[in-house]
């Protein structure tokens, strides 16, 4: 799946990267507060620290900003998760580490993750498949660790569909910490939530 090419009148790649990072940060704040449709490009420009004219030197439309936001968030989540998983653990310990790491990343990027899932539906048709593929890649990272545990005889999962479902469940439980944090944070710390969810996820499938 090809990455969408966002138009830019500027040729300096370093400057494009810098300005778009400012744009993404400003847009996340506005999308969180007002939503994508109620936010104007003029507001995005102001929040980003430059003029509306400068904004349009780096994008073609407001939908391009949303695409850049979603793409950047997925990249950051994936990179942080990979970093946390770069250790010598194995077996069930590695699976537990993967779950805890994903929950930690979601907590660190809760505003970005919330915006991404609320607003991704507004992406243009040609951009949505690419962004959804990023979601699949994260699921596959968890899925591969679950599959390793099955192959080592540590989990009681016989079907490929069961392995995939467990991986999806792990991601959904991570999302819940963001979507329902207004109530969950009154009842649990992140560590308590993680411990209980790991126990719940592994219950009935661990040998």
Foldseek 3Di string as FASTA:
>chain_A
DDADDFDALDDPPVVLVVLLVLLLVQVLVCCLVPNLVVDDLQSSQVSSPHGSVNVCNNGPDSLVNLLSLLVVLLVVLVVQLVVQLPDDDAAPVSLLSSLLSSLVSCVVCLSSVVSNVVHLVVHDPVRNVVSVVSVVVQLVVSLVRLVRNVVVVFWADDDSVVSSVLSVVSNVLSNCCNVVVVPVVVPDDSVRSSVVVSCVSRPPTGD
